[in-house]
Structures are given as structure tokens and as C-alpha cells.
Protein backbone atom coordinates (compact mmCIF):
# COMPACT_ATOMS: atom_id res chain seq x y z
CA MET A 1 0.00 -0.01 0.03
CA ASP A 2 1.31 3.39 -0.95
CA GLN A 3 2.07 6.01 1.76
CA VAL A 4 0.82 9.53 1.48
CA CYS A 5 2.15 12.71 3.00
CA CYS A 6 0.43 13.83 6.17
CA VAL A 7 0.74 17.47 5.06
CA CYS A 8 -0.21 17.62 1.32
CA GLY A 9 -1.82 14.18 0.85
CA GLU A 10 0.30 13.34 -2.19
CA LEU A 11 2.16 9.98 -2.58
CA LEU A 12 5.56 9.66 -0.95
CA ASP A 13 8.53 8.18 -2.68
CA GLU A 14 10.90 5.76 -0.96
CA GLU A 15 13.87 8.11 -0.54
CA ASN A 16 12.61 11.64 0.27
CA VAL A 17 10.49 10.97 3.31
CA SER A 18 10.80 11.63 7.05
CA ARG A 19 8.59 11.02 10.11
CA CYS A 20 7.46 13.89 12.33
CA ARG A 21 8.81 13.86 15.82
CA LEU A 22 5.48 15.37 17.23
CA CYS A 23 2.68 13.64 15.38
CA GLY A 24 4.45 10.60 13.84
CA GLY A 25 3.18 11.41 10.35
CA SER A 26 5.31 10.80 7.24
CA PHE A 27 6.03 13.83 5.03
CA HIS A 28 8.13 14.90 2.07
CA LEU A 29 11.64 15.99 2.90
CA ALA A 30 14.50 16.00 0.45
CA TRP A 31 17.53 13.92 1.57
CA SER A 32 19.84 15.22 -1.12
CA THR A 33 20.55 18.76 -2.30
CA GLY A 34 19.69 17.92 -5.89
CA ALA A 35 16.34 16.31 -5.13
CA ASN A 36 13.48 18.04 -6.98
CA ILE A 37 10.76 17.49 -4.29
CA LYS A 38 8.59 19.70 -2.22
CA GLU A 39 9.47 20.25 1.40
CA CYS A 40 6.50 19.49 3.68
CA GLY A 41 8.50 19.81 6.86
CA SER A 42 11.93 20.66 8.16
CA ASP A 43 14.72 19.49 10.33
CA PHE A 44 16.07 21.03 13.53
CA PHE A 45 18.86 20.51 16.01
CA HIS A 46 17.64 18.99 19.25
CA PRO A 47 20.18 20.24 21.93
CA GLU A 48 19.24 17.85 24.68
CA SER A 49 19.99 14.75 22.54
CA CYS A 50 22.65 16.48 20.37
CA GLY A 51 20.91 15.11 17.29
CA LEU A 52 18.62 16.10 14.40
CA GLY A 53 14.82 16.03 14.70
CA PHE A 54 12.27 16.31 12.05
CA VAL A 55 8.82 18.09 12.12
CA CYS A 56 6.02 18.37 9.56
CA ARG A 57 4.58 21.73 8.57
CA LEU A 58 1.43 21.00 10.48
CA CYS A 59 3.35 20.70 13.75
CA GLU A 60 5.92 23.47 13.18
CA PRO A 61 5.56 26.35 15.63
CA MET A 62 3.89 29.37 14.15
CA PRO A 63 6.02 32.59 14.24
CA GLY A 64 5.11 34.63 17.30
CA SER A 65 3.04 31.91 18.84
CA GLY A 66 5.39 31.07 21.69
CA GLY A 67 6.05 27.63 20.32
CA HIS A 68 2.47 26.56 19.63
CA PRO A 69 2.07 24.39 16.45
CA HIS A 70 -0.18 25.20 13.51
CA SER A 71 -2.60 22.35 14.22
CA PRO A 72 -5.37 23.37 16.62
CA ASN A 73 -5.63 19.85 18.00
CA GLN A 74 -1.91 19.24 18.62
CA SER A 75 -1.29 19.07 22.35
CA THR A 76 1.93 20.50 23.83
CA THR A 77 3.52 19.86 27.15
CA SER A 78 5.35 22.44 29.27
């Protein structure tokens, strides 16, 4: 069964996909600089684990929101 992006709903390929750290959804994310693919999320540095994390556009914090995600039903913990 084909997987679809949790952000845009389009089919995912096998190479340019990541999983959101917050919601667990799979989304488009280019893994090479030459990949001609949309970016439906982003990576970030997680200082506590000294590693990279990945988050989809639906869960990314909105600018000026104090860290609250775009999705109104996404719960956050303090």
C-alpha cells in the first residue's frame, strides 16, 4: 500500500520522506541537495539529545506563537 504525505496528501517516494517527531506522520523531505521535491517539513537540532529532529509543517511552531504548532488539536507539554 502506498504511503501519503500527512501534510499535502500526495504519494511519498521511498527516498525523500521523514517522520514527524511530534505527530508521527510521514512527510516529504529532500535527503539530497539535488532532489526536486517539495518540502512538507523541516529538520532542527535537538540540543538535549545532540541530534537532528524532524517536524512536519502542520506541527511546526507558528512565528510569534510562543512555540504553539499550526494544528489546533496538537497538544503540547510544558
